[in-house]
Amino acid sequence: MESRRKILKKLKKSTAIKEATELDYNKDGSVQINVGLKEADDFFSPHAYKTYEFINPDVEHYIKRYEETIPINEDVSVDIYTETPTTNEEKVRIRKALKRHYAECIVREENKYKRELNKGVWFCVLGVVILLIEAIIIAFYDNFFLDTLLAVIGWLFLWDGLESLVYDRSDIKIRLIRLYRILNAKVHVRQYSKKIKREYGLNEETEE
């Protein structure tokens, strides 16, 4: 009977993993984030007003999930396909809403980055000060309870500060790279070609 380790090793060699992680590249070398819509209005939130349009949350979630599967060192493009013809005005609306959405996300993340930096610095300084006070107290007073309390509080502040500076800011940096990548991506809006319709089975519906 095969061990679980051997079974796992065998399954890892499966071509299904390779096929599942294959990427769609454009001619310029960027990876396509393909979005399918019935019509252009499906890209926008049903509650959005045309002077300040928001992306449909389902579309936003889909783009996010799609983008997270693409290695961070790859360039991307956003390829939006509609089943119905799209006017130039609608294409401009989609591009504008997409770019504005990610620009606003970047502002929020950069503010978080600054807050984590300030928090990390202040907490580290506070932690060091408390530990110095603890060292002075040990030198002049023999108070085990106060010594332990200050040591715990000092190390808590120091650890929390280092966590903000090292881990939290690192996560935000990765999110910023991903957001900037989509913000700088080329956005193509086009109707499904006959070839793509066949691939998605859309021609069957139109031929009836």
Protein backbone atom coordinates (compact mmCIF):
# COMPACT_ATOMS: atom_id res chain seq x y z
CA MET A 1 0.00 0.00 0.00
CA GLU A 2 1.40 3.38 -1.02
CA SER A 3 2.18 5.90 1.69
CA ARG A 4 0.42 9.26 1.73
CA ARG A 5 3.71 10.97 0.97
CA LYS A 6 4.18 8.93 -2.23
CA ILE A 7 0.56 9.54 -3.28
CA LEU A 8 0.99 13.29 -2.76
CA LYS A 9 4.28 13.28 -4.70
CA LYS A 10 2.60 11.48 -7.59
CA LEU A 11 -0.38 13.85 -7.65
CA LYS A 12 1.92 16.90 -7.62
CA LYS A 13 3.35 15.75 -10.95
CA SER A 14 -0.12 15.81 -12.51
CA THR A 15 -0.47 17.96 -15.64
CA ALA A 16 -3.75 19.30 -14.21
CA ILE A 17 -1.76 21.64 -11.94
CA LYS A 18 0.19 22.99 -14.90
CA GLU A 19 -2.97 23.49 -16.94
CA ALA A 20 -4.73 25.21 -14.03
CA THR A 21 -1.88 27.72 -13.59
CA GLU A 22 -1.41 28.57 -17.28
CA LEU A 23 -1.69 32.29 -18.04
CA ASP A 24 -3.19 34.12 -21.04
CA TYR A 25 -0.61 36.47 -22.53
CA ASN A 26 -1.15 39.41 -24.87
CA LYS A 27 1.23 40.15 -27.74
CA ASP A 28 2.94 42.80 -25.58
CA GLY A 29 3.81 40.16 -22.96
CA SER A 30 1.24 41.24 -20.36
CA VAL A 31 -1.08 38.74 -18.72
CA GLN A 32 -4.75 39.15 -19.58
CA ILE A 33 -7.36 39.61 -16.87
CA ASN A 34 -10.42 38.59 -18.89
CA VAL A 35 -13.79 39.96 -17.78
CA GLY A 36 -17.03 38.87 -19.46
CA LEU A 37 -20.16 41.03 -19.43
CA LYS A 38 -23.60 40.83 -20.99
CA GLU A 39 -23.51 44.56 -21.70
CA ALA A 40 -21.44 47.59 -20.70
CA ASP A 41 -23.80 48.66 -17.88
CA ASP A 42 -23.09 45.37 -16.05
CA PHE A 43 -19.63 46.76 -15.25
CA PHE A 44 -21.11 49.42 -12.97
CA SER A 45 -22.88 49.21 -9.63
CA PRO A 46 -26.67 49.36 -10.15
CA HIS A 47 -26.72 52.13 -7.52
CA ALA A 48 -24.06 54.28 -9.18
CA TYR A 49 -24.92 57.70 -10.55
CA LYS A 50 -23.40 58.43 -13.95
CA THR A 51 -21.41 61.45 -12.77
CA TYR A 52 -19.60 59.25 -10.20
CA GLU A 53 -19.81 55.62 -11.21
CA PHE A 54 -18.70 52.74 -9.01
CA ILE A 55 -17.63 49.31 -10.22
CA ASN A 56 -20.08 46.50 -9.72
CA PRO A 57 -18.90 44.70 -6.51
CA ASP A 58 -19.11 41.32 -8.29
CA VAL A 59 -16.84 42.58 -11.08
CA GLU A 60 -14.43 44.11 -8.56
CA HIS A 61 -14.27 40.84 -6.59
CA TYR A 62 -13.71 38.85 -9.79
CA ILE A 63 -10.85 41.10 -10.95
CA LYS A 64 -9.25 40.90 -7.49
CA ARG A 65 -9.44 37.09 -7.39
CA TYR A 66 -8.12 36.86 -10.96
CA GLU A 67 -5.26 39.29 -10.33
CA GLU A 68 -4.14 37.46 -7.17
CA THR A 69 -3.44 34.31 -9.23
CA ILE A 70 -0.93 36.20 -11.43
CA PRO A 71 2.71 36.30 -10.21
CA ILE A 72 3.59 39.73 -8.87
CA ASN A 73 6.46 40.22 -11.36
CA GLU A 74 4.13 39.98 -14.40
CA ASP A 75 2.55 42.96 -16.17
CA VAL A 76 -1.20 42.74 -16.66
CA SER A 77 -3.89 44.06 -18.98
CA VAL A 78 -7.64 44.15 -18.32
CA ASP A 79 -9.58 42.73 -21.27
CA ILE A 80 -13.32 43.37 -20.95
CA TYR A 81 -15.62 41.54 -23.36
CA THR A 82 -19.30 42.31 -23.88
CA GLU A 83 -21.90 40.24 -25.67
CA THR A 84 -23.51 43.37 -27.10
CA PRO A 85 -21.85 46.17 -29.11
CA THR A 86 -20.15 48.87 -27.01
CA THR A 87 -20.00 52.54 -27.98
CA ASN A 88 -16.85 54.64 -27.59
CA GLU A 89 -18.60 56.59 -24.83
CA GLU A 90 -19.25 53.37 -22.88
CA LYS A 91 -15.63 52.29 -23.32
CA VAL A 92 -14.44 55.63 -21.90
CA ARG A 93 -16.87 55.28 -18.96
CA ILE A 94 -15.55 51.80 -18.13
CA ARG A 95 -11.89 52.83 -18.34
CA LYS A 96 -12.51 55.96 -16.27
CA ALA A 97 -14.42 54.09 -13.55
CA LEU A 98 -11.79 51.33 -13.38
CA LYS A 99 -8.84 53.73 -13.13
CA ARG A 100 -10.57 55.95 -10.57
CA HIS A 101 -11.54 52.98 -8.42
CA TYR A 102 -7.97 51.70 -8.18
CA ALA A 103 -6.55 55.19 -7.71
CA GLU A 104 -8.87 55.63 -4.71
CA CYS A 105 -7.85 52.19 -3.35
CA ILE A 106 -4.19 53.25 -3.63
CA VAL A 107 -4.81 56.45 -1.64
CA ARG A 108 -6.42 54.42 1.15
CA GLU A 109 -3.59 51.88 1.23
CA GLU A 110 -0.90 54.58 1.20
CA ASN A 111 -2.60 56.26 4.16
CA LYS A 112 -2.59 52.90 5.97
CA TYR A 113 1.11 52.53 5.13
CA LYS A 114 1.89 55.92 6.70
CA ARG A 115 -0.21 55.12 9.78
CA GLU A 116 1.58 51.81 10.28
CA LEU A 117 4.95 53.57 9.93
CA ASN A 118 4.04 56.20 12.54
CA LYS A 119 2.54 53.58 14.85
CA GLY A 120 5.59 51.32 14.50
CA VAL A 121 8.08 54.10 15.26
CA TRP A 122 6.15 55.45 18.24
CA PHE A 123 5.49 52.02 19.73
CA CYS A 124 9.16 51.04 19.39
CA VAL A 125 10.29 54.28 21.03
CA LEU A 126 7.74 53.86 23.81
CA GLY A 127 8.76 50.23 24.34
CA VAL A 128 12.46 51.16 24.60
CA VAL A 129 11.68 54.03 27.04
CA ILE A 130 9.62 51.72 29.29
CA LEU A 131 12.38 49.09 29.27
CA LEU A 132 14.95 51.78 30.18
CA ILE A 133 12.72 52.89 33.06
CA GLU A 134 12.51 49.26 34.15
CA ALA A 135 16.33 48.97 34.10
CA ILE A 136 16.65 52.13 36.24
CA ILE A 137 14.09 50.83 38.74
CA ILE A 138 15.98 47.51 39.03
CA ALA A 139 19.19 49.43 39.79
CA PHE A 140 17.66 51.41 42.67
CA TYR A 141 14.64 49.44 43.90
CA ASP A 142 13.91 45.78 44.52
CA ASN A 143 10.26 45.59 43.41
CA PHE A 144 9.56 42.34 41.57
CA PHE A 145 5.93 43.18 40.72
CA LEU A 146 6.72 46.62 39.23
CA ASP A 147 9.77 45.23 37.42
CA THR A 148 7.71 42.43 35.80
CA LEU A 149 4.84 44.76 34.89
CA LEU A 150 7.12 47.28 33.15
CA ALA A 151 9.04 44.51 31.35
CA VAL A 152 5.81 43.00 29.98
CA ILE A 153 4.39 46.37 28.91
CA GLY A 154 7.70 47.46 27.35
CA TRP A 155 8.13 44.28 25.32
CA LEU A 156 4.48 44.39 24.22
CA PHE A 157 4.91 47.90 22.80
CA LEU A 158 8.26 46.99 21.23
CA TRP A 159 6.93 43.80 19.62
CA ASP A 160 3.75 45.53 18.36
CA GLY A 161 5.86 48.33 16.89
CA LEU A 162 8.21 45.92 15.13
CA GLU A 163 5.23 43.96 13.80
CA SER A 164 3.80 47.16 12.28
CA LEU A 165 7.14 48.15 10.75
CA VAL A 166 8.09 44.74 9.38
CA TYR A 167 5.01 42.57 8.78
CA ASP A 168 2.03 44.93 8.40
CA ARG A 169 3.86 47.37 6.13
CA SER A 170 5.18 44.48 4.03
CA ASP A 171 1.61 43.24 3.42
CA ILE A 172 0.50 46.76 2.48
CA LYS A 173 3.45 47.08 0.07
CA ILE A 174 2.36 43.93 -1.75
CA ARG A 175 -1.22 45.22 -1.98
CA LEU A 176 0.06 48.55 -3.32
CA ILE A 177 2.13 46.81 -6.00
CA ARG A 178 -0.96 44.84 -7.09
CA LEU A 179 -3.17 47.95 -7.10
CA TYR A 180 -0.63 50.03 -9.04
CA ARG A 181 -0.28 47.15 -11.50
CA ILE A 182 -3.97 47.30 -12.37
CA LEU A 183 -4.01 51.12 -12.34
CA ASN A 184 -1.19 51.15 -14.93
CA ALA A 185 -2.65 48.27 -16.96
CA LYS A 186 -4.00 48.74 -20.46
CA VAL A 187 -7.79 48.37 -20.51
CA HIS A 188 -9.36 46.88 -23.64
CA VAL A 189 -13.13 46.93 -24.10
CA ARG A 190 -14.46 44.95 -27.04
CA GLN A 191 -17.30 42.75 -28.15
CA TYR A 192 -16.80 38.98 -28.20
CA SER A 193 -15.31 37.79 -31.48
CA LYS A 194 -16.79 34.77 -33.22
CA LYS A 195 -13.84 32.69 -32.02
CA ILE A 196 -14.33 33.64 -28.39
CA LYS A 197 -18.08 33.15 -28.71
CA ARG A 198 -17.45 29.60 -29.81
CA GLU A 199 -15.02 29.03 -26.91
CA TYR A 200 -17.60 30.26 -24.38
CA GLY A 201 -20.57 28.66 -26.12
CA LEU A 202 -22.21 32.03 -26.74
CA ASN A 203 -22.78 31.40 -30.44
CA GLU A 204 -25.30 28.65 -29.62
CA GLU A 205 -27.54 31.16 -27.90
CA THR A 206 -27.30 33.73 -30.68
CA GLU A 207 -27.95 31.22 -33.45
CA GLU A 208 -31.33 30.12 -32.01
